[in-house]
Protein backbone atom coordinates (compact mmCIF):
# COMPACT_ATOMS: atom_id res chain seq x y z
CA UNK A 1 69.90 23.01 71.93
CA UNK A 2 66.49 23.46 73.13
CA UNK A 3 64.95 27.36 73.05
CA UNK A 4 64.82 27.25 76.55
CA UNK A 5 68.62 26.57 77.00
CA UNK A 6 69.31 29.80 74.93
CA UNK A 7 67.66 32.29 77.83
CA UNK A 8 70.28 33.92 79.85
CA UNK A 9 69.49 33.27 83.60
CA UNK A 10 72.80 34.71 84.66
CA UNK A 11 72.82 36.37 88.37
CA UNK A 12 69.79 34.02 88.91
CA UNK A 13 69.76 31.67 91.96
CA UNK A 14 68.28 28.02 91.70
CA UNK A 15 67.90 25.12 93.72
CA UNK A 16 66.70 21.69 92.89
CA UNK A 17 65.98 19.03 95.41
CA UNK A 18 66.57 15.25 94.45
CA UNK A 19 69.08 16.42 91.68
CA UNK A 20 71.84 13.40 91.98
CA UNK A 21 70.09 11.72 88.90
CA UNK A 22 66.95 11.39 86.58
CA UNK A 23 64.82 14.22 86.16
CA UNK A 24 66.21 16.52 88.75
CA UNK A 25 69.92 16.35 87.61
CA UNK A 26 68.71 17.34 83.86
CA UNK A 27 66.82 20.34 85.22
CA UNK A 28 69.85 21.53 87.19
CA UNK A 29 72.17 21.04 84.19
CA UNK A 30 69.88 22.65 81.99
CA UNK A 31 69.57 25.44 84.58
CA UNK A 32 73.20 25.65 84.90
CA UNK A 33 73.67 25.78 81.22
CA UNK A 34 71.71 28.86 80.82
CA UNK A 35 73.94 30.59 83.10
CA UNK A 36 72.17 30.17 86.37
CA UNK A 37 73.89 29.68 90.10
CA UNK A 38 72.68 26.31 90.73
CA UNK A 39 72.62 24.22 94.11
CA UNK A 40 71.75 20.77 94.13
CA UNK A 41 70.13 19.04 97.22
CA UNK A 42 70.32 15.36 97.94
CA UNK A 43 71.22 13.01 100.78
CA UNK A 44 74.03 10.85 99.56
CA UNK A 45 77.36 12.75 99.83
CA UNK A 46 78.94 10.88 96.93
CA UNK A 47 76.02 11.11 94.53
CA UNK A 48 75.63 14.71 95.17
CA UNK A 49 79.60 15.45 94.70
CA UNK A 50 79.52 13.13 91.52
CA UNK A 51 76.21 15.16 89.99
CA UNK A 52 77.77 18.29 91.03
CA UNK A 53 81.31 17.87 89.32
CA UNK A 54 79.21 16.36 86.22
CA UNK A 55 77.04 19.31 85.87
CA UNK A 56 79.88 21.48 86.53
CA UNK A 57 82.23 20.03 83.84
CA UNK A 58 79.38 20.19 80.97
CA UNK A 59 78.19 23.50 81.67
CA UNK A 60 81.45 25.61 83.26
CA UNK A 61 79.45 26.52 85.82
CA UNK A 62 80.09 25.64 89.51
CA UNK A 63 77.55 23.88 90.96
CA UNK A 64 77.07 24.09 94.95
CA UNK A 65 75.68 21.05 97.03
CA UNK A 66 73.15 20.92 100.09
CA UNK A 67 73.19 17.62 101.86
CA UNK A 68 69.78 16.64 103.49
CA UNK A 69 67.93 13.36 104.41
CA UNK A 70 64.19 14.04 103.60
CA UNK A 71 62.98 11.25 105.66
CA UNK A 72 64.08 13.36 108.83
CA UNK A 73 62.11 16.44 109.65
CA UNK A 74 64.95 17.19 111.99
CA UNK A 75 67.46 17.08 109.11
CA UNK A 76 65.25 19.08 106.93
CA UNK A 77 65.49 22.12 109.59
CA UNK A 78 69.14 21.76 109.61
CA UNK A 79 69.49 21.92 106.23
CA UNK A 80 66.89 24.95 105.45
CA UNK A 81 68.74 26.73 108.26
CA UNK A 82 72.10 26.14 106.57
CA UNK A 83 70.52 27.37 103.39
CA UNK A 84 69.21 30.51 105.14
CA UNK A 85 72.30 31.33 106.61
CA UNK A 86 73.66 32.05 103.38
CA UNK A 87 71.24 35.18 103.37
CA UNK A 88 71.10 35.26 99.64
CA UNK A 89 67.69 35.39 97.59
CA UNK A 90 66.52 32.52 95.86
CA UNK A 91 64.86 32.91 92.50
CA UNK A 92 63.91 29.30 91.46
CA UNK A 93 63.06 26.08 93.61
CA UNK A 94 62.23 22.81 91.72
CA UNK A 95 60.98 20.61 94.47
CA UNK A 96 61.65 17.49 92.56
CA UNK A 97 63.09 15.06 95.31
CA UNK A 98 60.94 11.94 95.68
CA UNK A 99 60.65 8.16 96.01
CA UNK A 100 59.07 5.12 95.45
CA UNK A 101 58.40 2.34 98.07
CA UNK A 102 57.53 -1.28 97.42
CA UNK A 103 56.43 -2.00 101.07
CA UNK A 104 55.22 -0.09 103.91
CA UNK A 105 57.74 1.77 106.25
CA UNK A 106 58.01 4.41 108.59
CA UNK A 107 60.46 7.26 108.88
CA UNK A 108 62.05 8.27 112.25
CA UNK A 109 59.26 10.74 112.82
CA UNK A 110 56.66 7.85 112.78
CA UNK A 111 55.01 8.83 109.13
CA UNK A 112 54.49 6.38 106.00
CA UNK A 113 57.89 6.94 104.00
CA UNK A 114 56.42 8.08 100.63
CA UNK A 115 54.04 10.30 101.66
CA UNK A 116 56.75 11.74 104.24
CA UNK A 117 59.63 12.27 101.62
CA UNK A 118 57.53 12.97 98.55
CA UNK A 119 55.21 15.45 100.27
CA UNK A 120 55.71 16.44 103.98
CA UNK A 121 59.39 17.09 103.11
CA UNK A 122 58.58 19.51 100.48
CA UNK A 123 56.02 21.31 102.52
CA UNK A 124 58.37 21.70 105.27
CA UNK A 125 61.71 22.40 103.43
CA UNK A 126 59.69 25.10 100.95
CA UNK A 127 58.12 27.02 104.08
CA UNK A 128 61.26 27.15 106.02
CA UNK A 129 63.43 28.84 103.07
CA UNK A 130 60.23 31.11 101.93
CA UNK A 131 61.96 34.28 103.05
CA UNK A 132 64.67 33.81 100.36
CA UNK A 133 62.25 33.40 97.53
CA UNK A 134 60.17 36.61 98.59
CA UNK A 135 63.73 38.22 99.05
CA UNK A 136 64.39 37.04 95.26
CA UNK A 137 60.92 37.90 93.67
CA UNK A 138 60.18 37.84 91.16
CA UNK A 139 60.65 33.99 91.68
CA UNK A 140 59.20 30.86 91.10
CA UNK A 141 58.41 27.46 92.57
CA UNK A 142 58.04 24.38 90.61
CA UNK A 143 56.75 21.44 92.33
CA UNK A 144 56.81 17.88 90.83
CA UNK A 145 53.87 16.18 90.80
CA UNK A 146 52.26 13.12 88.73
CA UNK A 147 49.26 12.18 86.88
CA UNK A 148 49.36 9.28 89.39
CA UNK A 149 47.16 11.56 91.48
CA UNK A 150 44.16 11.09 89.66
CA UNK A 151 43.70 7.44 90.58
CA UNK A 152 43.46 8.08 94.31
CA UNK A 153 41.61 10.10 97.00
CA UNK A 154 42.98 11.71 100.30
CA UNK A 155 40.93 11.05 103.51
CA UNK A 156 41.56 13.80 105.72
CA UNK A 157 41.28 11.59 108.58
CA UNK A 158 43.88 8.99 107.02
CA UNK A 159 46.30 11.26 104.99
CA UNK A 160 48.94 8.41 104.94
CA UNK A 161 46.47 5.61 103.84
CA UNK A 162 47.07 3.31 106.95
CA UNK A 163 43.76 2.06 107.21
CA UNK A 164 43.94 -0.18 104.29
CA UNK A 165 46.63 -2.38 103.00
CA UNK A 166 49.42 -0.81 101.40
CA UNK A 167 49.65 -0.29 97.61
CA UNK A 168 52.85 1.27 95.81
CA UNK A 169 50.79 3.31 93.50
CA UNK A 170 47.96 4.49 96.00
CA UNK A 171 51.05 5.61 98.55
CA UNK A 172 52.68 7.26 95.52
CA UNK A 173 49.41 8.60 94.11
CA UNK A 174 48.57 10.16 97.44
CA UNK A 175 51.71 11.92 97.71
CA UNK A 176 51.34 13.38 94.52
CA UNK A 177 47.83 14.52 94.98
CA UNK A 178 49.10 16.25 98.33
CA UNK A 179 51.49 18.19 96.25
CA UNK A 180 48.77 19.54 93.87
CA UNK A 181 46.81 20.58 96.83
CA UNK A 182 49.63 22.21 98.50
CA UNK A 183 50.65 23.99 95.22
CA UNK A 184 47.36 25.54 94.81
CA UNK A 185 47.14 26.58 98.40
CA UNK A 186 50.50 27.97 98.40
CA UNK A 187 49.88 29.90 95.55
CA UNK A 188 46.76 31.39 96.93
CA UNK A 189 48.82 32.28 100.17
CA UNK A 190 51.61 34.11 98.19
CA UNK A 191 49.29 36.26 96.20
CA UNK A 192 51.06 39.50 96.12
CA UNK A 193 54.74 38.25 97.13
CA UNK A 194 56.09 37.96 93.38
CA UNK A 195 56.44 34.22 93.93
CA UNK A 196 54.53 32.19 91.74
CA UNK A 197 54.23 28.41 92.24
CA UNK A 198 52.84 25.81 89.85
CA UNK A 199 53.01 21.82 89.92
CA UNK A 200 54.24 19.69 87.12
CA UNK A 201 54.03 16.20 85.53
CA UNK A 202 57.07 15.47 83.61
CA UNK A 203 55.66 12.04 82.51
CA UNK A 204 57.54 8.97 82.09
CA UNK A 205 60.84 9.21 82.63
CA UNK A 206 63.99 7.24 82.24
CA UNK A 207 65.48 7.71 85.74
CA UNK A 208 66.79 5.68 88.51
CA UNK A 209 63.64 5.59 90.71
CA UNK A 210 63.03 2.09 90.39
CA UNK A 211 66.73 1.22 90.54
CA UNK A 212 66.58 -0.79 94.15
CA UNK A 213 68.00 -4.08 94.99
CA UNK A 214 66.18 -7.30 94.01
CA UNK A 215 65.48 -8.88 90.59
CA UNK A 216 62.15 -7.09 89.96
CA UNK A 217 63.20 -3.65 90.51
CA UNK A 218 66.16 -4.18 88.54
CA UNK A 219 64.24 -5.53 85.65
CA UNK A 220 61.74 -2.61 85.89
CA UNK A 221 64.70 -0.30 86.02
CA UNK A 222 66.03 -2.07 82.86
CA UNK A 223 62.71 -1.59 81.11
CA UNK A 224 62.37 1.91 82.16
CA UNK A 225 65.55 3.08 80.65
CA UNK A 226 65.25 1.52 77.47
CA UNK A 227 61.50 2.69 76.88
CA UNK A 228 61.05 5.81 78.71
CA UNK A 229 61.90 9.17 77.35
CA UNK A 230 65.36 10.48 78.60
CA UNK A 231 65.36 12.93 81.45
CA UNK A 232 66.47 16.10 79.45
CA UNK A 233 63.23 15.73 77.14
CA UNK A 234 61.16 15.06 80.24
CA UNK A 235 62.83 18.04 81.98
CA UNK A 236 61.20 20.54 79.26
CA UNK A 237 57.99 21.25 81.09
CA UNK A 238 59.72 22.02 84.31
CA UNK A 239 62.31 24.21 82.64
CA UNK A 240 59.29 26.24 80.95
CA UNK A 241 57.74 26.80 84.02
CA UNK A 242 60.92 27.88 85.89
CA UNK A 243 62.13 30.21 82.76
CA UNK A 244 59.79 31.10 80.17
CA UNK A 245 58.42 34.68 80.05
CA UNK A 246 55.09 33.25 79.18
CA UNK A 247 54.78 31.93 82.89
CA UNK A 248 55.63 35.24 84.31
CA UNK A 249 52.93 36.11 86.93
CA UNK A 250 51.06 32.77 86.15
CA UNK A 251 50.63 30.80 89.47
CA UNK A 252 48.39 27.91 90.88
CA UNK A 253 48.49 25.53 87.38
CA UNK A 254 49.00 21.84 86.85
CA UNK A 255 51.01 21.26 83.51
CA UNK A 256 51.81 18.32 81.61
CA UNK A 257 53.75 18.15 78.25
CA UNK A 258 54.07 22.05 78.07
CA UNK A 259 50.41 22.45 78.44
CA UNK A 260 48.25 23.48 81.39
CA UNK A 261 45.96 20.40 82.63
CA UNK A 262 42.96 20.28 85.27
CA UNK A 263 44.03 18.29 88.12
CA UNK A 264 41.46 15.95 89.89
CA UNK A 265 40.96 17.54 93.31
CA UNK A 266 39.21 16.83 96.51
CA UNK A 267 35.27 17.73 95.94
CA UNK A 268 35.63 19.58 99.14
CA UNK A 269 36.49 23.18 98.19
CA UNK A 270 38.08 23.64 101.76
CA UNK A 271 40.37 20.24 101.40
CA UNK A 272 43.51 22.81 100.49
CA UNK A 273 43.00 24.70 103.56
CA UNK A 274 42.72 21.68 105.87
CA UNK A 275 45.44 19.51 104.30
CA UNK A 276 47.59 22.67 105.20
CA UNK A 277 46.73 22.88 108.36
CA UNK A 278 47.22 19.05 109.10
CA UNK A 279 50.60 19.44 107.28
CA UNK A 280 51.73 22.13 109.73
CA UNK A 281 50.86 19.92 112.61
CA UNK A 282 52.82 16.77 110.79
CA UNK A 283 55.88 18.79 110.27
CA UNK A 284 55.90 21.22 113.50
CA UNK A 285 56.35 24.28 111.36
CA UNK A 286 54.94 27.74 111.76
CA UNK A 287 52.60 29.13 109.15
CA UNK A 288 53.77 31.75 106.78
CA UNK A 289 53.42 35.38 107.78
CA UNK A 290 53.17 36.96 104.52
CA UNK A 291 53.65 40.55 106.03
CA UNK A 292 56.74 39.68 107.77
CA UNK A 293 58.10 38.11 104.78
CA UNK A 294 57.47 41.02 102.62
């Protein structure tokens, strides 16, 4: 058992998005094993139930579910409202949900799917449940990003990258760079609330993210399963950020393999604020009023 797993999280409530497989499920299982009350979020009822039952069986802790399709802003609002109706504080939010798309597609709201599911959904959902995190402070938000953010740039006039030809890695990288900027901007805005927010690159993970129909995705998934670290090992950094006393009060960082790294950001020092404003408009979400949340 890892040192992190020996910590006692009894009485702490945790929510992990994208937790039906891979990294997210591993994070949820470890948190539950540490005594936390865990809720997992996913869009597929069968997969959610299976994951919740598996976590409950292996840890002896009942695992709750919250169903939500992150490709639908309407469903995100519904799920956030359902969560907030519980009127319970939240102590740890792990924003893990994400996807990889081989080709260009749009969500029902008209946005490029990778950018919408990986970033805009995270932005919208986090803002909508922020009051529960403030009421649970000291609380922590962990946003799952990736070092692929280093290979791209975000054009403020074309955040989704529609002006060029579609690229799987370009699309994925843009969503992960947006997450890094979101993390830093959110950390600044939450100053004084007792809520910290950090981003993590878990590194390569033997997950099912490439497990999609077709020969090539299936071959890629088989190679990933054989060569990449298992989710439990990849989850160590997210668990460290979520639970370690060493992280108490530390916010606005980017971490990889248990160490803080310097992300590659836009050269414009005001880009985070611009992205925030555009994200509010794209999701139809009201801005955070810290004075009202406290």
